Amino acid sequence: MAEFDPHTPNVARMYDYLLGGHDNYAVDREATERLVALVPQAVPLARANRGFLRRAVRHLADAGVRQFLDLGSGLPTQGSVHEIVPDARVVYVDRDPVVAAHARALLGEHDGEGPGPGRRAFLQADLLDADEVLRRASAVLDLGRPVGVLLVGILHFIPDADGPYAMVARLREAVAPGSHLVITHSVTPGRPAGPGRVAPIARGGGADRPPAAIRRFFGDFALVEPGLVHAADWRPDRPRLAGEPGAGSYLMAGVGWKHPIRGE
């Protein structure tokens, strides 16, 4: 189990605090308050991101998907996938050892390997190693059936040089027809994006991308209506209120669908 350092904030716990959660410590709350003072959009961005995740997962559940692979998941709290679809099989993946320790305690399940897997599991793994992630996730998920692959709020931390497009292409190739790919990605409005430019949502590196580059992650998957849009505009639960913070404009969101093979 990862050793807890009371003097070091953790990004996943900070995100939990931004969402109004309780799985965080004083050091995380203090760091988050400093972040919000510097980047006032941090709270509406986090909530727009999580709100889209909830709506997208509900859409997939309505389409019959009961398996989910949540990559770069952070802590599975505050409206995570298994809370939205309690009867689903869900594998959360994050490489942070502190997150892994907290997540396994929260889930009360094994780590996704060994006999008798439950419906929820956490894998400590590097999502860029898609083959290894898929191999380990297959202990819980049936990859011969549709899976919802979630890359929510993570791809903008991965520069092109690290191969994010190849990783996502491998995931698209591996999942069964009828699967879905769910993505949010930061984009800076009003000025061109470029490699090395840190987006407002970023938590320590990576690069924002223009909409066309974000669309490339979906490959030949068909975009579900309304397509690639600002996160707050993807099938909102209610109309946006006048004067409501517009931080969602920094965040693009979309859901892609892998067409079933004709005759299935």
C-alpha atoms as a PDB file:
ATOM      1  CA  MET A   1       0.000   0.000   0.000  1.00  0.00           C
ATOM      2  CA  ALA A   2       1.341   3.455  -0.899  1.00  0.00           C
ATOM      3  CA  GLU A   3       2.598   5.421   2.065  1.00  0.00           C
ATOM      4  CA  PHE A   4       0.508   8.480   2.956  1.00  0.00           C
ATOM      5  CA  ASP A   5       2.501  11.703   3.040  1.00  0.00           C
ATOM      6  CA  PRO A   6       0.470  14.286   5.020  1.00  0.00           C
ATOM      7  CA  HIS A   7       2.524  17.115   3.529  1.00  0.00           C
ATOM      8  CA  THR A   8       1.976  16.299  -0.156  1.00  0.00           C
ATOM      9  CA  PRO A   9      -1.281  17.087  -1.968  1.00  0.00           C
ATOM     10  CA  ASN A  10      -2.596  14.524  -4.416  1.00  0.00           C
ATOM     11  CA  VAL A  11      -4.222  15.533  -7.716  1.00  0.00           C
ATOM     12  CA  ALA A  12      -6.984  12.913  -7.527  1.00  0.00           C
ATOM     13  CA  ARG A  13      -7.938  13.933  -4.000  1.00  0.00           C
ATOM     14  CA  MET A  14      -7.873  17.597  -5.069  1.00  0.00           C
ATOM     15  CA  TYR A  15     -10.272  16.726  -7.889  1.00  0.00           C
ATOM     16  CA  ASP A  16     -12.528  14.974  -5.370  1.00  0.00           C
ATOM     17  CA  TYR A  17     -12.567  18.179  -3.320  1.00  0.00           C
ATOM     18  CA  LEU A  18     -13.359  20.274  -6.412  1.00  0.00           C
ATOM     19  CA  LEU A  19     -16.394  18.021  -6.949  1.00  0.00           C
ATOM     20  CA  GLY A  20     -17.549  18.502  -3.358  1.00  0.00           C
ATOM     21  CA  GLY A  21     -16.337  15.111  -2.122  1.00  0.00           C
ATOM     22  CA  HIS A  22     -14.932  14.047   1.224  1.00  0.00           C
ATOM     23  CA  ASP A  23     -12.136  11.664   0.195  1.00  0.00           C
ATOM     24  CA  ASN A  24      -9.418  14.274   0.650  1.00  0.00           C
ATOM     25  CA  TYR A  25      -7.205  15.741   3.335  1.00  0.00           C
ATOM     26  CA  ALA A  26      -6.361  19.199   4.622  1.00  0.00           C
ATOM     27  CA  VAL A  27      -3.237  19.371   2.449  1.00  0.00           C
ATOM     28  CA  ASP A  28      -5.378  18.668  -0.636  1.00  0.00           C
ATOM     29  CA  ARG A  29      -7.964  21.271   0.303  1.00  0.00           C
ATOM     30  CA  GLU A  30      -5.310  23.920   0.913  1.00  0.00           C
ATOM     31  CA  ALA A  31      -3.654  23.210  -2.443  1.00  0.00           C
ATOM     32  CA  THR A  32      -7.024  23.283  -4.196  1.00  0.00           C
ATOM     33  CA  GLU A  33      -7.937  26.637  -2.676  1.00  0.00           C
ATOM     34  CA  ARG A  34      -4.635  28.051  -3.942  1.00  0.00           C
ATOM     35  CA  LEU A  35      -5.357  26.608  -7.394  1.00  0.00           C
ATOM     36  CA  VAL A  36      -8.844  28.116  -7.479  1.00  0.00           C
ATOM     37  CA  ALA A  37      -7.433  31.507  -6.504  1.00  0.00           C
ATOM     38  CA  LEU A  38      -5.124  31.323  -9.538  1.00  0.00           C
ATOM     39  CA  VAL A  39      -7.577  29.589 -11.909  1.00  0.00           C
ATOM     40  CA  PRO A  40     -11.171  30.513 -11.001  1.00  0.00           C
ATOM     41  CA  GLN A  41     -12.441  28.248 -13.812  1.00  0.00           C
ATOM     42  CA  ALA A  42     -11.170  25.162 -11.961  1.00  0.00           C
ATOM     43  CA  VAL A  43     -14.440  24.432 -10.138  1.00  0.00           C
ATOM     44  CA  PRO A  44     -16.820  24.857 -13.097  1.00  0.00           C
ATOM     45  CA  LEU A  45     -14.381  22.933 -15.312  1.00  0.00           C
ATOM     46  CA  ALA A  46     -14.260  19.994 -12.912  1.00  0.00           C
ATOM     47  CA  ARG A  47     -18.020  19.955 -12.565  1.00  0.00           C
ATOM     48  CA  ALA A  48     -18.625  20.286 -16.308  1.00  0.00           C
ATOM     49  CA  ASN A  49     -16.274  17.352 -16.825  1.00  0.00           C
ATOM     50  CA  ARG A  50     -18.018  15.162 -14.251  1.00  0.00           C
ATOM     51  CA  GLY A  51     -21.481  16.231 -15.415  1.00  0.00           C
ATOM     52  CA  PHE A  52     -20.667  15.116 -18.952  1.00  0.00           C
ATOM     53  CA  LEU A  53     -19.302  11.801 -17.651  1.00  0.00           C
ATOM     54  CA  ARG A  54     -22.582  11.101 -15.869  1.00  0.00           C
ATOM     55  CA  ARG A  55     -24.709  11.943 -18.903  1.00  0.00           C
ATOM     56  CA  ALA A  56     -22.516   9.933 -21.281  1.00  0.00           C
ATOM     57  CA  VAL A  57     -22.500   6.870 -19.025  1.00  0.00           C
ATOM     58  CA  ARG A  58     -26.286   7.048 -18.673  1.00  0.00           C
ATOM     59  CA  HIS A  59     -26.527   7.191 -22.481  1.00  0.00           C
ATOM     60  CA  LEU A  60     -24.346   4.102 -22.828  1.00  0.00           C
ATOM     61  CA  ALA A  61     -26.375   2.283 -20.187  1.00  0.00           C
ATOM     62  CA  ASP A  62     -29.575   3.143 -22.074  1.00  0.00           C
ATOM     63  CA  ALA A  63     -27.909   1.654 -25.171  1.00  0.00           C
ATOM     64  CA  GLY A  64     -27.361  -1.604 -23.283  1.00  0.00           C
ATOM     65  CA  VAL A  65     -23.685  -1.242 -22.329  1.00  0.00           C
ATOM     66  CA  ARG A  66     -22.924  -2.918 -19.009  1.00  0.00           C
ATOM     67  CA  GLN A  67     -19.120  -2.933 -19.094  1.00  0.00           C
ATOM     68  CA  PHE A  68     -16.864   0.076 -18.665  1.00  0.00           C
ATOM     69  CA  LEU A  69     -13.112   0.699 -18.806  1.00  0.00           C
ATOM     70  CA  ASP A  70     -12.334   4.037 -17.130  1.00  0.00           C
ATOM     71  CA  LEU A  71      -8.773   5.100 -17.999  1.00  0.00           C
ATOM     72  CA  GLY A  72      -7.010   7.751 -15.948  1.00  0.00           C
ATOM     73  CA  SER A  73      -9.939   7.479 -13.577  1.00  0.00           C
ATOM     74  CA  GLY A  74      -8.591   9.077 -10.436  1.00  0.00           C
ATOM     75  CA  LEU A  75     -10.592   8.215  -7.318  1.00  0.00           C
ATOM     76  CA  PRO A  76     -13.879   6.400  -8.024  1.00  0.00           C
ATOM     77  CA  THR A  77     -15.995   8.840  -6.021  1.00  0.00           C
ATOM     78  CA  GLN A  78     -18.584  11.565  -6.567  1.00  0.00           C
ATOM     79  CA  GLY A  79     -20.749  10.049  -9.279  1.00  0.00           C
ATOM     80  CA  SER A  80     -18.293   7.568 -10.727  1.00  0.00           C
ATOM     81  CA  VAL A  81     -19.360   4.890 -13.179  1.00  0.00           C
ATOM     82  CA  HIS A  82     -20.315   2.154 -10.710  1.00  0.00           C
ATOM     83  CA  GLU A  83     -22.570   4.631  -8.888  1.00  0.00           C
ATOM     84  CA  ILE A  84     -24.334   5.593 -12.124  1.00  0.00           C
ATOM     85  CA  VAL A  85     -24.793   1.992 -13.354  1.00  0.00           C
ATOM     86  CA  PRO A  86     -24.701  -0.213 -10.230  1.00  0.00           C
ATOM     87  CA  ASP A  87     -25.171  -3.469 -12.161  1.00  0.00           C
ATOM     88  CA  ALA A  88     -22.264  -2.798 -14.547  1.00  0.00           C
ATOM     89  CA  ARG A  89     -18.806  -4.321 -14.550  1.00  0.00           C
ATOM     90  CA  VAL A  90     -16.296  -1.490 -14.190  1.00  0.00           C
ATOM     91  CA  VAL A  91     -12.500  -1.450 -14.326  1.00  0.00           C
ATOM     92  CA  TYR A  92     -10.819   1.760 -13.185  1.00  0.00           C
ATOM     93  CA  VAL A  93      -7.241   2.391 -14.307  1.00  0.00           C
ATOM     94  CA  ASP A  94      -4.744   4.909 -12.949  1.00  0.00           C
ATOM     95  CA  ARG A  95      -0.972   4.741 -12.524  1.00  0.00           C
ATOM     96  CA  ASP A  96      -0.809   6.814  -9.302  1.00  0.00           C
ATOM     97  CA  PRO A  97       0.043   4.455  -6.390  1.00  0.00           C
ATOM     98  CA  VAL A  98      -1.679   6.756  -3.861  1.00  0.00           C
ATOM     99  CA  VAL A  99      -4.831   6.691  -5.967  1.00  0.00           C
ATOM    100  CA  ALA A 100      -4.561   2.904  -6.212  1.00  0.00           C
ATOM    101  CA  ALA A 101      -4.399   2.492  -2.452  1.00  0.00           C
ATOM    102  CA  HIS A 102      -7.374   4.781  -1.841  1.00  0.00           C
ATOM    103  CA  ALA A 103      -9.407   3.363  -4.720  1.00  0.00           C
ATOM    104  CA  ARG A 104      -9.047  -0.254  -3.645  1.00  0.00           C
ATOM    105  CA  ALA A 105     -10.095   0.669  -0.116  1.00  0.00           C
ATOM    106  CA  LEU A 106     -13.113   2.573  -1.452  1.00  0.00           C
ATOM    107  CA  LEU A 107     -14.185  -0.204  -3.802  1.00  0.00           C
ATOM    108  CA  GLY A 108     -13.637  -2.982  -1.318  1.00  0.00           C
ATOM    109  CA  GLU A 109     -12.747  -5.280  -4.200  1.00  0.00           C
ATOM    110  CA  HIS A 110      -9.597  -7.012  -5.426  1.00  0.00           C
ATOM    111  CA  ASP A 111      -7.220  -5.431  -7.931  1.00  0.00           C
ATOM    112  CA  GLY A 112      -8.625  -7.054 -11.054  1.00  0.00           C
ATOM    113  CA  GLU A 113      -6.349 -10.082 -11.102  1.00  0.00           C
ATOM    114  CA  GLY A 114      -6.593 -13.537  -9.588  1.00  0.00           C
ATOM    115  CA  PRO A 115      -9.644 -15.790  -9.117  1.00  0.00           C
ATOM    116  CA  GLY A 116     -13.168 -14.634  -8.469  1.00  0.00           C
ATOM    117  CA  PRO A 117     -13.217 -11.087  -9.827  1.00  0.00           C
ATOM    118  CA  GLY A 118     -16.062  -8.868  -8.678  1.00  0.00           C
ATOM    119  CA  ARG A 119     -17.985  -6.306 -10.655  1.00  0.00           C
ATOM    120  CA  ARG A 120     -15.617  -3.452  -9.759  1.00  0.00           C
ATOM    121  CA  ALA A 121     -11.846  -3.468  -9.916  1.00  0.00           C
ATOM    122  CA  PHE A 122      -8.954  -1.049  -9.900  1.00  0.00           C
ATOM    123  CA  LEU A 123      -5.783  -1.531 -11.935  1.00  0.00           C
ATOM    124  CA  GLN A 124      -2.610   0.414 -11.217  1.00  0.00           C
ATOM    125  CA  ALA A 125      -1.256   0.641 -14.757  1.00  0.00           C
ATOM    126  CA  ASP A 126       0.022   3.032 -17.396  1.00  0.00           C
ATOM    127  CA  LEU A 127      -2.855   3.633 -19.810  1.00  0.00           C
ATOM    128  CA  LEU A 128      -0.341   4.171 -22.636  1.00  0.00           C
ATOM    129  CA  ASP A 129       0.401   0.433 -22.460  1.00  0.00           C
ATOM    130  CA  ALA A 130      -2.946  -0.444 -24.010  1.00  0.00           C
ATOM    131  CA  ASP A 131      -2.191  -4.139 -24.508  1.00  0.00           C
ATOM    132  CA  GLU A 132      -1.258  -4.632 -20.866  1.00  0.00           C
ATOM    133  CA  VAL A 133      -4.328  -2.723 -19.685  1.00  0.00           C
ATOM    134  CA  LEU A 134      -6.590  -4.801 -21.930  1.00  0.00           C
ATOM    135  CA  ARG A 135      -4.974  -8.044 -20.791  1.00  0.00           C
ATOM    136  CA  ARG A 136      -5.501  -7.267 -17.129  1.00  0.00           C
ATOM    137  CA  ALA A 137      -8.953  -5.753 -17.608  1.00  0.00           C
ATOM    138  CA  SER A 138     -10.106  -8.932 -19.338  1.00  0.00           C
ATOM    139  CA  ALA A 139     -10.129 -10.639 -15.916  1.00  0.00           C
ATOM    140  CA  VAL A 140     -13.264  -8.596 -15.194  1.00  0.00           C
ATOM    141  CA  LEU A 141     -14.563  -7.493 -18.602  1.00  0.00           C
ATOM    142  CA  ASP A 142     -15.669  -9.658 -21.508  1.00  0.00           C
ATOM    143  CA  LEU A 143     -13.944  -7.900 -24.394  1.00  0.00           C
ATOM    144  CA  GLY A 144     -16.004  -9.927 -26.844  1.00  0.00           C
ATOM    145  CA  ARG A 145     -19.021  -7.840 -25.822  1.00  0.00           C
ATOM    146  CA  PRO A 146     -19.545  -4.043 -26.014  1.00  0.00           C
ATOM    147  CA  VAL A 147     -17.494  -1.926 -23.624  1.00  0.00           C
ATOM    148  CA  GLY A 148     -17.668   1.756 -22.798  1.00  0.00           C
ATOM    149  CA  VAL A 149     -14.087   3.076 -22.936  1.00  0.00           C
ATOM    150  CA  LEU A 150     -13.763   6.313 -20.968  1.00  0.00           C
ATOM    151  CA  LEU A 151     -10.915   8.777 -21.486  1.00  0.00           C
ATOM    152  CA  VAL A 152     -12.375  11.666 -19.560  1.00  0.00           C
ATOM    153  CA  GLY A 153     -10.110  14.571 -18.685  1.00  0.00           C
ATOM    154  CA  ILE A 154      -6.875  12.680 -19.361  1.00  0.00           C
ATOM    155  CA  LEU A 155      -5.719  12.913 -22.998  1.00  0.00           C
ATOM    156  CA  HIS A 156      -4.743  16.585 -22.731  1.00  0.00           C
ATOM    157  CA  PHE A 157      -2.035  15.520 -20.274  1.00  0.00           C
ATOM    158  CA  ILE A 158      -0.355  13.336 -22.895  1.00  0.00           C
ATOM    159  CA  PRO A 159       1.813  15.070 -25.523  1.00  0.00           C
ATOM    160  CA  ASP A 160       1.857  13.739 -29.070  1.00  0.00           C
ATOM    161  CA  ALA A 161       5.389  12.433 -28.583  1.00  0.00           C
ATOM    162  CA  ASP A 162       4.130   9.889 -26.037  1.00  0.00           C
ATOM    163  CA  GLY A 163       1.812   8.271 -28.564  1.00  0.00           C
ATOM    164  CA  PRO A 164      -1.751   8.966 -27.378  1.00  0.00           C
ATOM    165  CA  TYR A 165      -3.230   8.470 -30.864  1.00  0.00           C
ATOM    166  CA  ALA A 166      -1.672   5.020 -31.215  1.00  0.00           C
ATOM    167  CA  MET A 167      -2.907   4.057 -27.752  1.00  0.00           C
ATOM    168  CA  VAL A 168      -6.491   5.114 -28.480  1.00  0.00           C
ATOM    169  CA  ALA A 169      -6.375   3.431 -31.892  1.00  0.00           C
ATOM    170  CA  ARG A 170      -5.370   0.164 -30.187  1.00  0.00           C
ATOM    171  CA  LEU A 171      -8.327   0.469 -27.818  1.00  0.00           C
ATOM    172  CA  ARG A 172     -10.704   1.145 -30.710  1.00  0.00           C
ATOM    173  CA  GLU A 173      -9.371  -1.895 -32.533  1.00  0.00           C
ATOM    174  CA  ALA A 174      -9.614  -4.193 -29.496  1.00  0.00           C
ATOM    175  CA  VAL A 175     -13.171  -3.524 -28.364  1.00  0.00           C
ATOM    176  CA  ALA A 176     -16.173  -5.326 -29.810  1.00  0.00           C
ATOM    177  CA  PRO A 177     -18.670  -3.804 -32.248  1.00  0.00           C
ATOM    178  CA  GLY A 178     -21.295  -1.872 -30.333  1.00  0.00           C
ATOM    179  CA  SER A 179     -18.653  -0.419 -28.000  1.00  0.00           C
ATOM    180  CA  HIS A 180     -18.376   3.312 -27.289  1.00  0.00           C
ATOM    181  CA  LEU A 181     -15.484   5.733 -26.779  1.00  0.00           C
ATOM    182  CA  VAL A 182     -16.112   8.657 -24.407  1.00  0.00           C
ATOM    183  CA  ILE A 183     -13.663  11.588 -24.394  1.00  0.00           C
ATOM    184  CA  THR A 184     -13.285  15.024 -22.871  1.00  0.00           C
ATOM    185  CA  HIS A 185     -10.316  17.145 -23.873  1.00  0.00           C
ATOM    186  CA  SER A 186      -9.300  20.709 -23.099  1.00  0.00           C
ATOM    187  CA  VAL A 187      -9.169  23.299 -25.843  1.00  0.00           C
ATOM    188  CA  THR A 188      -8.288  26.956 -25.471  1.00  0.00           C
ATOM    189  CA  PRO A 189     -10.898  29.172 -27.135  1.00  0.00           C
ATOM    190  CA  GLY A 190      -9.918  32.362 -28.874  1.00  0.00           C
ATOM    191  CA  ARG A 191      -6.357  31.374 -29.772  1.00  0.00           C
ATOM    192  CA  PRO A 192      -4.811  28.522 -31.714  1.00  0.00           C
ATOM    193  CA  ALA A 193      -3.751  25.463 -29.775  1.00  0.00           C
ATOM    194  CA  GLY A 194      -0.350  23.954 -30.225  1.00  0.00           C
ATOM    195  CA  PRO A 195       2.020  21.376 -28.793  1.00  0.00           C
ATOM    196  CA  GLY A 196       3.350  22.344 -25.384  1.00  0.00           C
ATOM    197  CA  ARG A 197       0.657  24.903 -24.638  1.00  0.00           C
ATOM    198  CA  VAL A 198      -0.829  24.092 -21.253  1.00  0.00           C
ATOM    199  CA  ALA A 199      -4.617  24.181 -21.170  1.00  0.00           C
ATOM    200  CA  PRO A 200      -6.583  25.765 -18.298  1.00  0.00           C
ATOM    201  CA  ILE A 201      -7.740  22.341 -17.087  1.00  0.00           C
ATOM    202  CA  ALA A 202      -4.259  20.840 -17.155  1.00  0.00           C
ATOM    203  CA  ARG A 203      -2.741  19.610 -13.899  1.00  0.00           C
ATOM    204  CA  GLY A 204       0.934  19.693 -14.603  1.00  0.00           C
ATOM    205  CA  GLY A 205       1.816  19.419 -18.263  1.00  0.00           C
ATOM    206  CA  GLY A 206       0.545  18.122 -21.556  1.00  0.00           C
ATOM    207  CA  ALA A 207      -0.975  20.152 -24.332  1.00  0.00           C
ATOM    208  CA  ASP A 208      -4.373  21.354 -25.407  1.00  0.00           C
ATOM    209  CA  ARG A 209      -5.466  20.492 -28.949  1.00  0.00           C
ATOM    210  CA  PRO A 210      -7.764  22.107 -31.508  1.00  0.00           C
ATOM    211  CA  PRO A 211     -11.121  20.402 -32.217  1.00  0.00           C
ATOM    212  CA  ALA A 212      -9.880  18.707 -35.402  1.00  0.00           C
ATOM    213  CA  ALA A 213      -7.043  17.039 -33.483  1.00  0.00           C
ATOM    214  CA  ILE A 214      -9.441  15.921 -30.763  1.00  0.00           C
ATOM    215  CA  ARG A 215     -11.775  14.467 -33.404  1.00  0.00           C
ATOM    216  CA  ARG A 216      -8.881  12.285 -34.636  1.00  0.00           C
ATOM    217  CA  PHE A 217      -9.023  10.248 -31.432  1.00  0.00           C
ATOM    218  CA  PHE A 218     -12.394   8.829 -32.500  1.00  0.00           C
ATOM    219  CA  GLY A 219     -11.007   7.427 -35.766  1.00  0.00           C
ATOM    220  CA  ASP A 220     -13.766   5.709 -37.742  1.00  0.00           C
ATOM    221  CA  PHE A 221     -16.146   5.562 -34.789  1.00  0.00           C
ATOM    222  CA  ALA A 222     -19.406   7.384 -35.538  1.00  0.00           C
ATOM    223  CA  LEU A 223     -19.959  10.402 -33.319  1.00  0.00           C
ATOM    224  CA  VAL A 224     -23.195  10.235 -31.361  1.00  0.00           C
ATOM    225  CA  GLU A 225     -25.328  13.372 -31.684  1.00  0.00           C
ATOM    226  CA  PRO A 226     -24.649  16.209 -31.038  1.00  0.00           C
ATOM    227  CA  GLY A 227     -21.074  15.312 -32.024  1.00  0.00           C
ATOM    228  CA  LEU A 228     -17.933  16.903 -30.610  1.00  0.00           C
ATOM    229  CA  VAL A 229     -19.158  19.923 -28.658  1.00  0.00           C
ATOM    230  CA  HIS A 230     -18.432  21.881 -25.509  1.00  0.00           C
ATOM    231  CA  ALA A 231     -18.957  19.564 -22.542  1.00  0.00           C
ATOM    232  CA  ALA A 232     -21.864  21.548 -21.138  1.00  0.00           C
ATOM    233  CA  ASP A 233     -23.657  21.296 -24.500  1.00  0.00           C
ATOM    234  CA  TRP A 234     -23.539  17.506 -24.801  1.00  0.00           C
ATOM    235  CA  ARG A 235     -27.140  16.454 -24.076  1.00  0.00           C
ATOM    236  CA  PRO A 236     -27.527  18.780 -21.077  1.00  0.00           C
ATOM    237  CA  ASP A 237     -29.999  17.847 -18.362  1.00  0.00           C
ATOM    238  CA  ARG A 238     -31.356  21.394 -18.339  1.00  0.00           C
ATOM    239  CA  PRO A 239     -30.997  24.646 -20.275  1.00  0.00           C
ATOM    240  CA  ARG A 240     -28.002  26.772 -19.322  1.00  0.00           C
ATOM    241  CA  LEU A 241     -28.985  29.641 -17.037  1.00  0.00           C
ATOM    242  CA  ALA A 242     -28.252  33.255 -17.926  1.00  0.00           C
ATOM    243  CA  GLY A 243     -24.970  34.306 -16.352  1.00  0.00           C
ATOM    244  CA  GLU A 244     -23.955  30.708 -15.607  1.00  0.00           C
ATOM    245  CA  PRO A 245     -20.155  30.223 -15.723  1.00  0.00           C
ATOM    246  CA  GLY A 246     -19.011  29.256 -19.200  1.00  0.00           C
ATOM    247  CA  ALA A 247     -15.950  27.208 -18.258  1.00  0.00           C
ATOM    248  CA  GLY A 248     -17.332  24.336 -20.297  1.00  0.00           C
ATOM    249  CA  SER A 249     -16.137  26.224 -23.362  1.00  0.00           C
ATOM    250  CA  TYR A 250     -12.586  25.192 -22.435  1.00  0.00           C
ATOM    251  CA  LEU A 251     -13.603  21.542 -22.581  1.00  0.00           C
ATOM    252  CA  MET A 252     -14.695  19.568 -25.643  1.00  0.00           C
ATOM    253  CA  ALA A 253     -16.631  16.335 -25.262  1.00  0.00           C
ATOM    254  CA  GLY A 254     -17.865  13.560 -27.501  1.00  0.00           C
ATOM    255  CA  VAL A 255     -19.055   9.975 -27.632  1.00  0.00           C
ATOM    256  CA  GLY A 256     -18.080   7.668 -30.483  1.00  0.00           C
ATOM    257  CA  TRP A 257     -19.797   4.401 -31.421  1.00  0.00           C
ATOM    258  CA  LYS A 258     -18.253   1.365 -33.092  1.00  0.00           C
ATOM    259  CA  HIS A 259     -20.746   0.155 -35.669  1.00  0.00           C
ATOM    260  CA  PRO A 260     -21.855  -3.456 -35.262  1.00  0.00           C
ATOM    261  CA  ILE A 261     -20.868  -5.761 -38.087  1.00  0.00           C
ATOM    262  CA  ARG A 262     -23.655  -5.997 -40.644  1.00  0.00           C
ATOM    263  CA  GLY A 263     -25.946  -8.896 -39.842  1.00  0.00           C
ATOM    264  CA  GLU A 264     -25.331  -8.827 -36.075  1.00  0.00           C
END
